[in-house]
């Protein structure tokens, strides 16, 4: 269950009250992402696929999946061929989006409060807490500045790093089945999520 919550919170929990976002700061980029997702979810004119397509664009615009992939694979990134690296980044980003899409509808009534921001050169941490009916969950976003835009490359929830969490899991798969085995594993996970999503009522 905790892993499900971690994945759900990864792409900015909701719903929250919409506030103006200052895009000159890392916290502003986090807030802007929250605002955009909320606006899309509240737009009743959008069909389901159109809604999720727009959210998918936000996910890919706000996360540096190449940096995340490199950190997740660790030493296996250096061992992988350029083609394997390319495929992993593609499959991993698809997996993150599919996981988010699958889990988001299971959670309601969250509120995001930005509690702090620290910046060291091109690196930043935005501290938030997610307030539910029964608890408060600390969530830290690690971001890197790339030409004036802040991209998230890790999320730490209650002290648990998303990157570290997947690094351990994927390393075990690579050790047992090789890089090709890991790529096949992630592809299968994405397909399972797609099948589950297609089985849901079209109006969801």
N, C-alpha and C. Protein backbone atom coordinates (compact mmCIF):
# COMPACT_ATOMS: atom_id res chain seq x y z
N UNK A 1 0.83 -1.20 0.00
CA UNK A 1 0.00 0.00 0.00
C UNK A 1 0.87 1.25 0.00
N UNK A 2 1.95 1.25 0.79
CA UNK A 2 2.80 2.44 0.85
C UNK A 2 3.41 2.74 -0.51
N UNK A 3 3.82 1.68 -1.26
CA UNK A 3 4.37 1.90 -2.58
C UNK A 3 3.33 2.50 -3.52
N UNK A 4 2.06 2.09 -3.37
CA UNK A 4 1.00 2.65 -4.20
C UNK A 4 0.83 4.13 -3.90
N UNK A 5 0.86 4.49 -2.62
CA UNK A 5 0.74 5.89 -2.24
C UNK A 5 1.93 6.68 -2.77
N UNK A 6 3.13 6.09 -2.68
CA UNK A 6 4.34 6.76 -3.16
C UNK A 6 4.22 7.07 -4.64
N UNK A 7 3.76 6.09 -5.42
CA UNK A 7 3.62 6.31 -6.85
C UNK A 7 2.56 7.35 -7.13
N UNK A 8 1.45 7.27 -6.38
CA UNK A 8 0.37 8.23 -6.60
C UNK A 8 0.84 9.66 -6.34
N UNK A 9 1.58 9.84 -5.26
CA UNK A 9 2.02 11.18 -4.89
C UNK A 9 3.12 11.69 -5.80
N UNK A 10 3.77 10.80 -6.52
CA UNK A 10 4.90 11.18 -7.35
C UNK A 10 4.60 12.34 -8.27
N UNK A 11 3.44 12.32 -8.91
CA UNK A 11 3.15 13.33 -9.92
C UNK A 11 2.22 14.42 -9.41
N UNK A 12 2.40 14.79 -8.14
CA UNK A 12 1.70 15.90 -7.53
C UNK A 12 0.26 15.53 -7.18
N UNK A 13 0.00 15.31 -5.89
CA UNK A 13 -1.28 14.87 -5.40
C UNK A 13 -2.36 15.92 -5.63
N UNK A 14 -3.62 15.53 -5.49
CA UNK A 14 -4.73 16.42 -5.72
C UNK A 14 -5.96 15.86 -5.06
N UNK A 15 -7.06 16.64 -4.93
CA UNK A 15 -7.17 18.01 -5.36
C UNK A 15 -6.57 18.99 -4.36
N UNK A 16 -6.23 20.16 -4.81
CA UNK A 16 -5.77 21.22 -3.92
C UNK A 16 -6.39 22.53 -4.39
N UNK A 17 -6.36 23.52 -3.51
CA UNK A 17 -6.82 24.84 -3.91
C UNK A 17 -5.81 25.45 -4.87
N UNK A 18 -6.29 26.04 -5.94
CA UNK A 18 -5.39 26.59 -6.95
C UNK A 18 -4.89 27.97 -6.51
N UNK A 19 -3.57 28.12 -6.49
CA UNK A 19 -2.93 29.40 -6.18
C UNK A 19 -2.06 29.80 -7.36
N UNK A 20 -1.78 31.08 -7.48
CA UNK A 20 -0.89 31.54 -8.54
C UNK A 20 0.50 30.97 -8.33
N UNK A 21 1.15 30.60 -9.44
CA UNK A 21 2.47 29.98 -9.36
C UNK A 21 3.53 30.93 -9.90
N UNK A 22 4.61 31.13 -9.13
CA UNK A 22 5.75 31.94 -9.55
C UNK A 22 6.75 31.02 -10.24
N UNK A 23 6.79 31.05 -11.56
CA UNK A 23 7.62 30.11 -12.30
C UNK A 23 9.11 30.41 -12.22
N UNK A 24 9.50 31.47 -11.53
CA UNK A 24 10.91 31.77 -11.36
C UNK A 24 11.54 30.94 -10.25
N UNK A 25 10.72 30.22 -9.49
CA UNK A 25 11.22 29.44 -8.37
C UNK A 25 10.88 27.96 -8.55
N UNK A 26 11.66 27.06 -7.92
CA UNK A 26 11.33 25.63 -7.97
C UNK A 26 9.95 25.34 -7.39
N UNK A 27 9.63 25.98 -6.26
CA UNK A 27 8.31 25.77 -5.66
C UNK A 27 7.21 26.22 -6.61
N UNK A 28 7.48 27.27 -7.36
CA UNK A 28 6.50 27.74 -8.33
C UNK A 28 6.23 26.73 -9.42
N UNK A 29 7.27 26.01 -9.83
CA UNK A 29 7.08 24.98 -10.85
C UNK A 29 6.25 23.83 -10.31
N UNK A 30 6.48 23.47 -9.05
CA UNK A 30 5.67 22.42 -8.44
C UNK A 30 4.22 22.86 -8.37
N UNK A 31 4.01 24.09 -7.88
CA UNK A 31 2.65 24.61 -7.77
C UNK A 31 1.97 24.70 -9.14
N UNK A 32 2.72 25.12 -10.15
CA UNK A 32 2.16 25.24 -11.50
C UNK A 32 1.69 23.88 -12.02
N UNK A 33 2.47 22.84 -11.74
CA UNK A 33 2.08 21.50 -12.17
C UNK A 33 0.80 21.06 -11.48
N UNK A 34 0.70 21.34 -10.19
CA UNK A 34 -0.51 21.02 -9.44
C UNK A 34 -1.70 21.74 -10.05
N UNK A 35 -1.55 23.03 -10.29
CA UNK A 35 -2.64 23.83 -10.84
C UNK A 35 -3.13 23.28 -12.17
N UNK A 36 -2.18 22.92 -13.04
CA UNK A 36 -2.55 22.44 -14.37
C UNK A 36 -3.30 21.12 -14.30
N UNK A 37 -2.83 20.21 -13.44
CA UNK A 37 -3.50 18.92 -13.32
C UNK A 37 -4.92 19.10 -12.79
N UNK A 38 -5.06 19.97 -11.79
CA UNK A 38 -6.39 20.22 -11.23
C UNK A 38 -7.33 20.77 -12.30
N UNK A 39 -6.85 21.74 -13.06
CA UNK A 39 -7.69 22.36 -14.09
C UNK A 39 -8.16 21.33 -15.11
N UNK A 40 -7.27 20.42 -15.47
CA UNK A 40 -7.63 19.38 -16.44
C UNK A 40 -8.67 18.43 -15.85
N UNK A 41 -8.47 18.02 -14.61
CA UNK A 41 -9.40 17.09 -13.99
C UNK A 41 -10.77 17.72 -13.76
N UNK A 42 -10.79 19.02 -13.58
CA UNK A 42 -12.06 19.70 -13.33
C UNK A 42 -12.78 20.10 -14.62
N UNK A 43 -12.12 19.94 -15.75
CA UNK A 43 -12.72 20.30 -17.04
C UNK A 43 -13.65 19.18 -17.51
N UNK A 44 -14.93 19.34 -17.27
CA UNK A 44 -15.90 18.31 -17.60
C UNK A 44 -16.12 18.16 -19.10
N UNK A 45 -15.62 19.08 -19.89
CA UNK A 45 -15.80 19.00 -21.34
C UNK A 45 -14.85 18.00 -21.99
N UNK A 46 -13.81 17.60 -21.26
CA UNK A 46 -12.81 16.69 -21.81
C UNK A 46 -13.25 15.24 -21.71
N UNK A 47 -13.09 14.50 -22.81
CA UNK A 47 -13.29 13.06 -22.77
C UNK A 47 -12.12 12.44 -22.00
N UNK A 48 -12.33 11.22 -21.56
CA UNK A 48 -11.34 10.58 -20.69
C UNK A 48 -9.95 10.52 -21.33
N UNK A 49 -9.86 10.07 -22.58
CA UNK A 49 -8.56 9.93 -23.22
C UNK A 49 -7.90 11.29 -23.42
N UNK A 50 -8.69 12.29 -23.77
CA UNK A 50 -8.14 13.64 -23.95
C UNK A 50 -7.61 14.17 -22.63
N UNK A 51 -8.35 13.91 -21.55
CA UNK A 51 -7.93 14.38 -20.22
C UNK A 51 -6.60 13.75 -19.84
N UNK A 52 -6.51 12.43 -20.01
CA UNK A 52 -5.28 11.76 -19.61
C UNK A 52 -4.12 12.08 -20.55
N UNK A 53 -4.45 12.38 -21.80
CA UNK A 53 -3.39 12.80 -22.71
C UNK A 53 -2.76 14.10 -22.27
N UNK A 54 -3.58 15.04 -21.83
CA UNK A 54 -3.07 16.32 -21.34
C UNK A 54 -2.25 16.15 -20.07
N UNK A 55 -2.71 15.28 -19.17
CA UNK A 55 -1.96 15.04 -17.93
C UNK A 55 -0.63 14.37 -18.25
N UNK A 56 -0.64 13.47 -19.25
CA UNK A 56 0.61 12.83 -19.66
C UNK A 56 1.64 13.83 -20.14
N UNK A 57 1.18 14.86 -20.84
CA UNK A 57 2.09 15.91 -21.31
C UNK A 57 2.73 16.63 -20.13
N UNK A 58 1.94 16.92 -19.10
CA UNK A 58 2.46 17.60 -17.91
C UNK A 58 3.51 16.73 -17.23
N UNK A 59 3.22 15.45 -17.09
CA UNK A 59 4.16 14.53 -16.45
C UNK A 59 5.50 14.55 -17.18
N UNK A 60 5.45 14.43 -18.50
CA UNK A 60 6.68 14.38 -19.27
C UNK A 60 7.39 15.72 -19.33
N UNK A 61 6.63 16.81 -19.19
CA UNK A 61 7.24 18.14 -19.19
C UNK A 61 7.92 18.48 -17.87
N UNK A 62 7.49 17.86 -16.78
CA UNK A 62 7.95 18.26 -15.45
C UNK A 62 8.99 17.31 -14.86
N UNK A 63 9.15 16.13 -15.44
CA UNK A 63 10.10 15.18 -14.89
C UNK A 63 11.22 14.90 -15.88
N UNK A 64 12.44 14.87 -15.37
CA UNK A 64 13.61 14.55 -16.18
C UNK A 64 13.79 13.04 -16.14
N UNK A 65 13.10 12.34 -17.02
CA UNK A 65 13.10 10.89 -16.98
C UNK A 65 14.45 10.29 -17.36
N UNK A 66 15.23 11.00 -18.15
CA UNK A 66 16.55 10.48 -18.48
C UNK A 66 17.44 10.47 -17.24
N UNK A 67 17.44 11.57 -16.49
CA UNK A 67 18.23 11.61 -15.26
C UNK A 67 17.72 10.60 -14.24
N UNK A 68 16.40 10.47 -14.14
CA UNK A 68 15.82 9.49 -13.23
C UNK A 68 16.23 8.08 -13.64
N UNK A 69 16.18 7.81 -14.94
CA UNK A 69 16.53 6.48 -15.45
C UNK A 69 17.99 6.16 -15.15
N UNK A 70 18.85 7.14 -15.35
CA UNK A 70 20.28 6.94 -15.10
C UNK A 70 20.53 6.66 -13.62
N UNK A 71 19.83 7.37 -12.75
CA UNK A 71 19.99 7.15 -11.31
C UNK A 71 19.40 5.82 -10.87
N UNK A 72 18.27 5.46 -11.46
CA UNK A 72 17.62 4.20 -11.10
C UNK A 72 18.49 3.01 -11.50
N UNK A 73 19.08 3.07 -12.69
CA UNK A 73 19.90 1.95 -13.16
C UNK A 73 21.28 1.93 -12.51
N UNK A 74 21.75 3.09 -12.05
CA UNK A 74 23.07 3.19 -11.39
C UNK A 74 24.16 2.60 -12.30
N UNK A 75 24.94 1.64 -11.80
CA UNK A 75 26.04 1.09 -12.59
C UNK A 75 25.56 0.35 -13.83
N UNK A 76 24.32 -0.12 -13.80
CA UNK A 76 23.79 -0.82 -14.98
C UNK A 76 23.57 0.14 -16.15
N UNK A 77 23.47 1.44 -15.87
CA UNK A 77 23.35 2.42 -16.95
C UNK A 77 24.61 2.42 -17.79
N UNK A 78 25.77 2.38 -17.13
CA UNK A 78 27.05 2.38 -17.85
C UNK A 78 27.23 1.11 -18.65
N UNK A 79 26.69 0.01 -18.14
CA UNK A 79 26.84 -1.27 -18.83
C UNK A 79 25.88 -1.41 -20.01
N UNK A 80 24.80 -0.65 -19.99
CA UNK A 80 23.78 -0.76 -21.04
C UNK A 80 24.27 -0.14 -22.34
N UNK A 81 23.79 -0.67 -23.45
CA UNK A 81 24.11 -0.09 -24.76
C UNK A 81 23.28 1.18 -24.96
N UNK A 82 23.68 2.05 -25.89
CA UNK A 82 22.87 3.24 -26.16
C UNK A 82 21.42 2.91 -26.49
N UNK A 83 21.20 1.83 -27.23
CA UNK A 83 19.83 1.43 -27.58
C UNK A 83 19.06 0.98 -26.34
N UNK A 84 19.73 0.24 -25.45
CA UNK A 84 19.08 -0.21 -24.22
C UNK A 84 18.73 0.98 -23.33
N UNK A 85 19.61 1.96 -23.27
CA UNK A 85 19.34 3.16 -22.48
C UNK A 85 18.12 3.89 -23.04
N UNK A 86 18.08 4.04 -24.35
CA UNK A 86 16.96 4.73 -24.99
C UNK A 86 15.65 4.02 -24.69
N UNK A 87 15.65 2.71 -24.81
CA UNK A 87 14.44 1.93 -24.56
C UNK A 87 14.03 2.00 -23.10
N UNK A 88 15.01 1.99 -22.20
CA UNK A 88 14.67 2.05 -20.78
C UNK A 88 14.02 3.38 -20.43
N UNK A 89 14.58 4.48 -20.92
CA UNK A 89 13.99 5.80 -20.64
C UNK A 89 12.55 5.83 -21.15
N UNK A 90 12.34 5.32 -22.35
CA UNK A 90 11.00 5.30 -22.95
C UNK A 90 10.04 4.45 -22.12
N UNK A 91 10.47 3.22 -21.78
CA UNK A 91 9.59 2.31 -21.05
C UNK A 91 9.35 2.78 -19.62
N UNK A 92 10.40 3.32 -18.99
CA UNK A 92 10.27 3.77 -17.61
C UNK A 92 9.30 4.94 -17.51
N UNK A 93 9.39 5.88 -18.45
CA UNK A 93 8.47 7.02 -18.43
C UNK A 93 7.04 6.55 -18.68
N UNK A 94 6.86 5.58 -19.57
CA UNK A 94 5.53 5.02 -19.83
C UNK A 94 5.00 4.32 -18.58
N UNK A 95 5.88 3.64 -17.89
CA UNK A 95 5.48 2.92 -16.68
C UNK A 95 5.05 3.89 -15.58
N UNK A 96 5.81 4.97 -15.41
CA UNK A 96 5.45 5.96 -14.40
C UNK A 96 4.10 6.60 -14.71
N UNK A 97 3.89 6.93 -15.98
CA UNK A 97 2.63 7.55 -16.37
C UNK A 97 1.47 6.57 -16.20
N UNK A 98 1.68 5.32 -16.61
CA UNK A 98 0.62 4.32 -16.50
C UNK A 98 0.28 4.03 -15.04
N UNK A 99 1.31 4.01 -14.19
CA UNK A 99 1.08 3.76 -12.77
C UNK A 99 0.27 4.89 -12.15
N UNK A 100 0.65 6.11 -12.49
CA UNK A 100 -0.08 7.27 -11.98
C UNK A 100 -1.53 7.25 -12.44
N UNK A 101 -1.71 6.98 -13.71
CA UNK A 101 -3.07 6.96 -14.27
C UNK A 101 -3.91 5.89 -13.59
N UNK A 102 -3.31 4.75 -13.30
CA UNK A 102 -4.04 3.64 -12.70
C UNK A 102 -4.42 3.93 -11.26
N UNK A 103 -3.58 4.68 -10.54
CA UNK A 103 -3.80 4.86 -9.10
C UNK A 103 -4.58 6.12 -8.75
N UNK A 104 -4.54 7.12 -9.59
CA UNK A 104 -5.05 8.43 -9.20
C UNK A 104 -6.53 8.38 -8.83
N UNK A 105 -7.30 7.55 -9.51
CA UNK A 105 -8.73 7.52 -9.28
C UNK A 105 -9.10 6.84 -7.97
N UNK A 106 -8.12 6.25 -7.29
CA UNK A 106 -8.38 5.56 -6.03
C UNK A 106 -8.26 6.50 -4.84
N UNK A 107 -7.81 7.72 -5.06
CA UNK A 107 -7.55 8.63 -3.95
C UNK A 107 -8.30 9.95 -4.14
N UNK A 108 -8.81 10.48 -3.02
CA UNK A 108 -9.53 11.76 -3.06
C UNK A 108 -9.23 12.55 -1.80
N UNK A 109 -9.61 13.82 -1.84
CA UNK A 109 -9.56 14.68 -0.66
C UNK A 109 -8.16 14.95 -0.12
N UNK A 110 -7.14 14.88 -0.97
CA UNK A 110 -5.81 15.30 -0.53
C UNK A 110 -5.65 16.81 -0.73
N UNK A 111 -4.83 17.40 0.10
CA UNK A 111 -4.46 18.80 -0.07
C UNK A 111 -2.95 18.91 -0.01
N UNK A 112 -2.36 19.66 -0.92
CA UNK A 112 -0.92 19.85 -0.96
C UNK A 112 -0.57 21.21 -0.38
N UNK A 113 0.35 21.21 0.57
CA UNK A 113 0.82 22.46 1.16
C UNK A 113 2.34 22.52 0.98
N UNK A 114 2.83 23.55 0.32
CA UNK A 114 4.28 23.73 0.17
C UNK A 114 4.82 24.35 1.44
N UNK A 115 5.74 23.66 2.09
CA UNK A 115 6.23 24.08 3.40
C UNK A 115 7.64 24.65 3.39
N UNK A 116 8.38 24.45 2.31
CA UNK A 116 9.74 24.97 2.28
C UNK A 116 10.40 24.79 0.93
N UNK A 117 11.50 25.51 0.76
CA UNK A 117 12.25 25.46 -0.49
C UNK A 117 13.70 25.79 -0.20
N UNK A 118 14.61 24.96 -0.70
CA UNK A 118 16.04 25.24 -0.55
C UNK A 118 16.69 25.10 -1.92
N UNK A 119 17.58 26.05 -2.23
CA UNK A 119 18.23 26.08 -3.54
C UNK A 119 19.73 26.17 -3.36
N UNK A 120 20.45 25.31 -4.06
CA UNK A 120 21.91 25.37 -4.10
C UNK A 120 22.33 25.31 -5.56
N UNK A 121 22.58 26.49 -6.13
CA UNK A 121 22.94 26.54 -7.53
C UNK A 121 21.82 26.03 -8.42
N UNK A 122 22.12 24.98 -9.18
CA UNK A 122 21.13 24.40 -10.09
C UNK A 122 20.29 23.31 -9.45
N UNK A 123 20.48 23.10 -8.16
CA UNK A 123 19.77 22.03 -7.48
C UNK A 123 18.84 22.60 -6.42
N UNK A 124 17.70 21.96 -6.25
CA UNK A 124 16.72 22.47 -5.29
C UNK A 124 15.90 21.32 -4.70
N UNK A 125 15.37 21.58 -3.52
CA UNK A 125 14.43 20.67 -2.88
C UNK A 125 13.20 21.49 -2.48
N UNK A 126 12.05 21.03 -2.91
CA UNK A 126 10.79 21.66 -2.52
C UNK A 126 10.09 20.73 -1.53
N UNK A 127 9.88 21.26 -0.33
CA UNK A 127 9.25 20.46 0.72
C UNK A 127 7.74 20.71 0.72
N UNK A 128 6.98 19.64 0.75
CA UNK A 128 5.53 19.77 0.81
C UNK A 128 5.00 18.76 1.83
N UNK A 129 3.75 18.93 2.17
CA UNK A 129 3.06 17.89 2.93
C UNK A 129 1.69 17.69 2.31
N UNK A 130 1.31 16.43 2.26
CA UNK A 130 0.01 16.06 1.72
C UNK A 130 -0.92 15.78 2.89
N UNK A 131 -1.99 16.54 2.96
CA UNK A 131 -2.92 16.44 4.08
C UNK A 131 -4.16 15.67 3.62
N UNK A 132 -4.42 14.55 4.29
CA UNK A 132 -5.61 13.76 4.02
C UNK A 132 -6.57 13.91 5.19
N UNK A 133 -7.64 13.16 5.18
CA UNK A 133 -8.60 13.23 6.27
C UNK A 133 -8.02 12.73 7.58
N UNK A 134 -7.00 11.87 7.49
CA UNK A 134 -6.51 11.21 8.70
C UNK A 134 -5.03 11.43 8.99
N UNK A 135 -4.27 11.98 8.04
CA UNK A 135 -2.83 12.06 8.27
C UNK A 135 -2.19 13.16 7.42
N UNK A 136 -0.93 13.46 7.74
CA UNK A 136 -0.12 14.37 6.94
C UNK A 136 1.12 13.62 6.48
N UNK A 137 1.42 13.67 5.19
CA UNK A 137 2.53 12.91 4.63
C UNK A 137 3.56 13.88 4.06
N UNK A 138 4.80 13.87 4.58
CA UNK A 138 5.83 14.75 4.02
C UNK A 138 6.33 14.25 2.67
N UNK A 139 6.39 15.13 1.71
CA UNK A 139 6.84 14.79 0.36
C UNK A 139 7.84 15.84 -0.11
N UNK A 140 9.05 15.42 -0.42
CA UNK A 140 10.08 16.34 -0.91
C UNK A 140 10.36 16.06 -2.38
N UNK A 141 10.35 17.12 -3.18
CA UNK A 141 10.67 17.01 -4.60
C UNK A 141 12.09 17.52 -4.83
N UNK A 142 12.92 16.71 -5.45
CA UNK A 142 14.27 17.12 -5.82
C UNK A 142 14.25 17.56 -7.28
N UNK A 143 14.73 18.78 -7.52
CA UNK A 143 14.67 19.35 -8.86
C UNK A 143 16.03 19.87 -9.31
N UNK A 144 16.18 19.94 -10.62
CA UNK A 144 17.39 20.49 -11.22
C UNK A 144 17.00 21.54 -12.26
N UNK A 145 17.72 22.66 -12.25
CA UNK A 145 17.47 23.74 -13.20
C UNK A 145 18.15 23.44 -14.53
N UNK A 146 17.36 23.46 -15.58
CA UNK A 146 17.90 23.28 -16.92
C UNK A 146 17.42 24.44 -17.79
N UNK A 147 18.31 25.41 -17.98
CA UNK A 147 17.99 26.59 -18.79
C UNK A 147 16.75 27.33 -18.30
N UNK A 148 16.65 27.48 -16.99
CA UNK A 148 15.57 28.27 -16.42
C UNK A 148 14.31 27.49 -16.08
N UNK A 149 14.28 26.22 -16.41
CA UNK A 149 13.14 25.37 -16.08
C UNK A 149 13.56 24.31 -15.08
N UNK A 150 12.76 24.15 -14.03
CA UNK A 150 13.08 23.19 -12.99
C UNK A 150 12.39 21.85 -13.27
N UNK A 151 13.19 20.79 -13.35
CA UNK A 151 12.67 19.45 -13.62
C UNK A 151 12.90 18.56 -12.40
N UNK A 152 11.90 17.79 -12.05
CA UNK A 152 12.04 16.86 -10.93
C UNK A 152 12.81 15.62 -11.37
N UNK A 153 13.73 15.16 -10.52
CA UNK A 153 14.48 13.96 -10.83
C UNK A 153 14.38 12.92 -9.72
N UNK A 154 13.70 13.26 -8.62
CA UNK A 154 13.45 12.29 -7.55
C UNK A 154 12.38 12.85 -6.64
N UNK A 155 11.69 11.96 -5.97
CA UNK A 155 10.68 12.33 -4.98
C UNK A 155 10.93 11.49 -3.74
N UNK A 156 10.94 12.15 -2.58
CA UNK A 156 11.19 11.46 -1.31
C UNK A 156 9.93 11.59 -0.45
N UNK A 157 9.31 10.47 -0.14
CA UNK A 157 8.07 10.46 0.63
C UNK A 157 8.30 9.72 1.94
N UNK A 158 8.11 10.45 3.03
CA UNK A 158 8.36 9.90 4.37
C UNK A 158 9.74 9.25 4.43
N UNK A 159 10.72 9.92 3.82
CA UNK A 159 12.09 9.44 3.85
C UNK A 159 12.42 8.37 2.83
N UNK A 160 11.45 7.97 2.01
CA UNK A 160 11.66 6.93 1.02
C UNK A 160 11.84 7.56 -0.36
N UNK A 161 13.01 7.35 -0.96
CA UNK A 161 13.31 7.91 -2.27
C UNK A 161 12.74 7.01 -3.37
N UNK A 162 12.04 7.62 -4.31
CA UNK A 162 11.53 6.86 -5.45
C UNK A 162 12.66 6.21 -6.22
N UNK A 163 13.73 6.98 -6.47
CA UNK A 163 14.87 6.46 -7.22
C UNK A 163 15.50 5.28 -6.51
N UNK A 164 15.75 5.42 -5.22
CA UNK A 164 16.36 4.32 -4.47
C UNK A 164 15.47 3.10 -4.43
N UNK A 165 14.16 3.33 -4.34
CA UNK A 165 13.20 2.24 -4.27
C UNK A 165 13.26 1.39 -5.54
N UNK A 166 13.26 2.05 -6.69
CA UNK A 166 13.31 1.32 -7.95
C UNK A 166 14.70 0.80 -8.27
N UNK A 167 15.73 1.48 -7.80
CA UNK A 167 17.09 1.02 -8.04
C UNK A 167 17.28 -0.39 -7.49
N UNK A 168 16.81 -0.62 -6.29
CA UNK A 168 16.94 -1.93 -5.67
C UNK A 168 16.14 -2.99 -6.43
N UNK A 169 14.90 -2.65 -6.76
CA UNK A 169 14.04 -3.60 -7.46
C UNK A 169 14.59 -3.96 -8.83
N UNK A 170 14.98 -2.96 -9.60
CA UNK A 170 15.44 -3.20 -10.96
C UNK A 170 16.81 -3.87 -10.99
N UNK A 171 17.66 -3.57 -10.00
CA UNK A 171 18.98 -4.22 -9.95
C UNK A 171 18.83 -5.72 -9.79
N UNK A 172 17.87 -6.13 -8.98
CA UNK A 172 17.62 -7.57 -8.78
C UNK A 172 17.20 -8.23 -10.09
N UNK A 173 16.34 -7.55 -10.84
CA UNK A 173 15.88 -8.11 -12.12
C UNK A 173 17.03 -8.20 -13.11
N UNK A 174 17.86 -7.16 -13.18
CA UNK A 174 19.00 -7.18 -14.10
C UNK A 174 19.97 -8.29 -13.72
N UNK A 175 20.22 -8.46 -12.44
CA UNK A 175 21.13 -9.51 -11.99
C UNK A 175 20.64 -10.89 -12.37
N UNK A 176 19.32 -11.06 -12.34
CA UNK A 176 18.74 -12.38 -12.63
C UNK A 176 18.49 -12.61 -14.12
N UNK A 177 18.04 -11.56 -14.81
CA UNK A 177 17.57 -11.75 -16.18
C UNK A 177 18.24 -10.85 -17.21
N UNK A 178 19.19 -10.03 -16.77
CA UNK A 178 19.86 -9.15 -17.70
C UNK A 178 19.04 -7.92 -18.04
N UNK A 179 19.64 -7.01 -18.80
CA UNK A 179 18.97 -5.77 -19.16
C UNK A 179 17.74 -6.03 -20.01
N UNK A 180 17.84 -6.99 -20.91
CA UNK A 180 16.69 -7.32 -21.76
C UNK A 180 15.53 -7.84 -20.92
N UNK A 181 15.86 -8.58 -19.87
CA UNK A 181 14.81 -9.07 -18.97
C UNK A 181 14.11 -7.93 -18.26
N UNK A 182 14.87 -6.91 -17.86
CA UNK A 182 14.27 -5.75 -17.20
C UNK A 182 13.37 -4.99 -18.16
N UNK A 183 13.83 -4.79 -19.38
CA UNK A 183 13.01 -4.08 -20.37
C UNK A 183 11.71 -4.82 -20.64
N UNK A 184 11.80 -6.14 -20.74
CA UNK A 184 10.59 -6.93 -20.96
C UNK A 184 9.65 -6.84 -19.76
N UNK A 185 10.24 -6.83 -18.56
CA UNK A 185 9.44 -6.75 -17.33
C UNK A 185 8.65 -5.44 -17.28
N UNK A 186 9.32 -4.34 -17.59
CA UNK A 186 8.64 -3.04 -17.54
C UNK A 186 7.56 -2.96 -18.61
N UNK A 187 7.85 -3.49 -19.80
CA UNK A 187 6.85 -3.51 -20.86
C UNK A 187 5.59 -4.26 -20.43
N UNK A 188 5.80 -5.39 -19.76
CA UNK A 188 4.66 -6.18 -19.30
C UNK A 188 3.85 -5.42 -18.26
N UNK A 189 4.54 -4.70 -17.38
CA UNK A 189 3.83 -3.91 -16.36
C UNK A 189 2.97 -2.84 -17.01
N UNK A 190 3.52 -2.18 -18.03
CA UNK A 190 2.77 -1.15 -18.74
C UNK A 190 1.55 -1.75 -19.41
N UNK A 191 1.72 -2.91 -20.05
CA UNK A 191 0.60 -3.56 -20.74
C UNK A 191 -0.50 -3.95 -19.76
N UNK A 192 -0.12 -4.42 -18.58
CA UNK A 192 -1.12 -4.79 -17.57
C UNK A 192 -1.93 -3.57 -17.17
N UNK A 193 -1.26 -2.45 -16.94
CA UNK A 193 -1.97 -1.22 -16.58
C UNK A 193 -2.90 -0.78 -17.70
N UNK A 194 -2.44 -0.90 -18.95
CA UNK A 194 -3.27 -0.52 -20.08
C UNK A 194 -4.53 -1.38 -20.16
N UNK A 195 -4.36 -2.68 -19.93
CA UNK A 195 -5.50 -3.59 -19.98
C UNK A 195 -6.49 -3.27 -18.87
N UNK A 196 -5.97 -2.97 -17.68
CA UNK A 196 -6.84 -2.61 -16.57
C UNK A 196 -7.59 -1.32 -16.87
N UNK A 197 -6.89 -0.38 -17.50
CA UNK A 197 -7.50 0.91 -17.81
C UNK A 197 -8.59 0.75 -18.86
N UNK A 198 -8.32 -0.07 -19.87
CA UNK A 198 -9.30 -0.28 -20.94
C UNK A 198 -10.55 -0.98 -20.44
N UNK A 199 -10.41 -1.73 -19.34
CA UNK A 199 -11.55 -2.45 -18.79
C UNK A 199 -12.48 -1.56 -17.98
N UNK A 200 -12.01 -0.34 -17.66
CA UNK A 200 -12.82 0.58 -16.88
C UNK A 200 -13.90 1.22 -17.76
N UNK A 201 -15.00 1.66 -17.15
CA UNK A 201 -16.05 2.36 -17.92
C UNK A 201 -15.47 3.57 -18.62
N UNK A 202 -15.92 3.84 -19.83
CA UNK A 202 -15.36 4.92 -20.64
C UNK A 202 -15.56 6.29 -20.02
N UNK A 203 -16.52 6.44 -19.17
CA UNK A 203 -16.77 7.74 -18.57
C UNK A 203 -15.95 8.05 -17.36
N UNK A 204 -15.07 7.11 -16.95
CA UNK A 204 -14.29 7.31 -15.73
C UNK A 204 -13.29 8.43 -15.91
